[in-house]
């Protein structure tokens, strides 16, 4: 059987873009069951990082999903901090939007772990 993620990625990025129309469709499908998983967040971020052009609402949606995955309990655990480091630096760069996401996570978290604090400190100066 075909890997659904590879097929979906190829179809969505056929022209290299995540358009506003495809962003709306993706949003509807991801939120349909009311739950969001790390796997879904990683897939969405992979699309974001591999597209040549992305609708602004898609990037906002991806970051919203990451926040939902990381902060369901208001805390950023060691495992979540390590996951954030892994997914945000897949493309070997941290841009202003990703630094903004880290700030939003820091501001929204009731408790952070030392690994997240280190990540926050390290990438604010990048």
Protein backbone atom coordinates (compact mmCIF):
# COMPACT_ATOMS: atom_id res chain seq x y z
CA UNK A 1 0.00 0.00 0.00
CA UNK A 2 1.14 3.52 -0.73
CA UNK A 3 2.39 5.58 2.19
CA UNK A 4 -0.52 7.99 2.77
CA UNK A 5 1.75 10.78 3.98
CA UNK A 6 3.94 10.64 0.88
CA UNK A 7 0.92 10.54 -1.41
CA UNK A 8 -0.85 13.40 0.38
CA UNK A 9 2.33 15.48 0.39
CA UNK A 10 2.85 14.91 -3.34
CA UNK A 11 -0.76 15.86 -4.13
CA UNK A 12 -0.82 18.94 -1.90
CA UNK A 13 2.57 20.19 -3.05
CA UNK A 14 2.13 19.29 -6.74
CA UNK A 15 2.82 22.92 -7.65
CA UNK A 16 4.96 23.59 -4.58
CA UNK A 17 2.30 25.68 -2.85
CA UNK A 18 -0.02 25.36 0.10
CA UNK A 19 -2.80 27.67 -1.04
CA UNK A 20 -5.53 29.21 1.08
CA UNK A 21 -7.98 26.72 -0.47
CA UNK A 22 -5.84 23.68 0.35
CA UNK A 23 -5.14 25.14 3.82
CA UNK A 24 -8.89 25.30 4.50
CA UNK A 25 -9.34 21.70 3.35
CA UNK A 26 -6.42 20.48 5.47
CA UNK A 27 -7.72 22.37 8.49
CA UNK A 28 -11.18 20.85 8.15
CA UNK A 29 -9.83 17.30 7.84
CA UNK A 30 -7.33 17.58 10.70
CA UNK A 31 -9.85 19.06 13.12
CA UNK A 32 -12.72 16.78 12.08
CA UNK A 33 -12.32 14.35 14.97
CA UNK A 34 -11.55 17.03 17.56
CA UNK A 35 -8.15 15.52 18.39
CA UNK A 36 -4.67 16.37 17.18
CA UNK A 37 -1.67 14.07 17.38
CA UNK A 38 2.07 14.61 17.18
CA UNK A 39 2.05 12.65 13.92
CA UNK A 40 -0.46 15.06 12.40
CA UNK A 41 1.53 18.06 13.62
CA UNK A 42 4.73 16.63 12.11
CA UNK A 43 3.00 16.04 8.78
CA UNK A 44 1.63 19.59 8.71
CA UNK A 45 5.02 21.04 9.57
CA UNK A 46 6.68 18.91 6.89
CA UNK A 47 4.33 20.43 4.30
CA UNK A 48 5.12 23.90 5.62
CA UNK A 49 8.87 23.36 5.45
CA UNK A 50 8.81 21.79 1.97
CA UNK A 51 6.46 24.18 0.21
CA UNK A 52 7.89 26.94 -1.94
CA UNK A 53 4.94 29.20 -1.13
CA UNK A 54 2.55 29.01 1.80
CA UNK A 55 -0.69 30.83 2.55
CA UNK A 56 -0.35 32.79 5.81
CA UNK A 57 -3.39 31.06 7.30
CA UNK A 58 -1.72 27.68 6.81
CA UNK A 59 1.35 28.70 8.80
CA UNK A 60 -0.89 30.05 11.59
CA UNK A 61 -2.83 26.79 11.58
CA UNK A 62 0.32 24.65 11.82
CA UNK A 63 1.56 26.68 14.79
CA UNK A 64 -1.89 26.44 16.42
CA UNK A 65 -1.70 22.66 16.09
CA UNK A 66 1.80 22.52 17.56
CA UNK A 67 0.60 24.57 20.53
CA UNK A 68 -2.33 22.19 21.04
CA UNK A 69 0.01 19.19 21.00
CA UNK A 70 2.56 20.73 23.38
CA UNK A 71 0.30 22.54 25.85
CA UNK A 72 -2.81 20.43 26.54
CA UNK A 73 -1.95 20.51 30.26
CA UNK A 74 -0.26 23.93 30.34
CA UNK A 75 3.17 22.40 30.86
CA UNK A 76 6.09 21.89 28.52
CA UNK A 77 7.76 18.63 29.49
CA UNK A 78 11.25 17.45 28.67
CA UNK A 79 9.87 15.12 25.98
CA UNK A 80 7.87 17.96 24.44
CA UNK A 81 10.90 20.27 24.43
CA UNK A 82 13.00 17.61 22.73
CA UNK A 83 10.21 17.08 20.18
CA UNK A 84 10.03 20.83 19.52
CA UNK A 85 13.78 20.99 18.97
CA UNK A 86 13.56 18.08 16.55
CA UNK A 87 10.65 19.35 14.47
CA UNK A 88 11.57 23.02 14.38
CA UNK A 89 15.13 22.37 13.31
CA UNK A 90 14.47 19.68 10.71
CA UNK A 91 15.32 22.23 8.05
CA UNK A 92 18.45 23.31 9.99
CA UNK A 93 17.18 26.87 10.41
CA UNK A 94 15.02 28.83 12.81
CA UNK A 95 13.14 31.71 11.26
CA UNK A 96 11.35 34.60 12.89
CA UNK A 97 8.00 32.80 12.78
CA UNK A 98 9.41 29.77 14.59
CA UNK A 99 11.01 32.03 17.22
CA UNK A 100 7.58 33.65 17.57
CA UNK A 101 6.05 30.23 18.14
CA UNK A 102 8.57 29.53 20.89
CA UNK A 103 7.66 32.85 22.52
CA UNK A 104 3.94 32.05 22.34
CA UNK A 105 4.61 28.66 23.93
CA UNK A 106 6.72 30.24 26.67
CA UNK A 107 4.06 32.88 27.38
CA UNK A 108 1.22 30.32 27.45
CA UNK A 109 2.99 27.67 29.52
CA UNK A 110 2.27 27.50 33.22
CA UNK A 111 5.39 25.39 33.75
CA UNK A 112 8.44 24.84 31.55
CA UNK A 113 11.25 22.32 31.88
CA UNK A 114 14.98 23.13 31.76
CA UNK A 115 15.22 21.69 28.22
CA UNK A 116 12.63 24.16 26.95
CA UNK A 117 14.26 27.03 28.82
CA UNK A 118 17.56 26.15 27.15
CA UNK A 119 15.86 25.95 23.74
CA UNK A 120 14.22 29.33 24.34
CA UNK A 121 17.50 30.97 25.38
CA UNK A 122 19.53 29.40 22.58
CA UNK A 123 17.23 30.39 19.73
CA UNK A 124 16.27 33.90 20.79
CA UNK A 125 19.69 35.10 19.71
CA UNK A 126 19.69 33.29 16.35
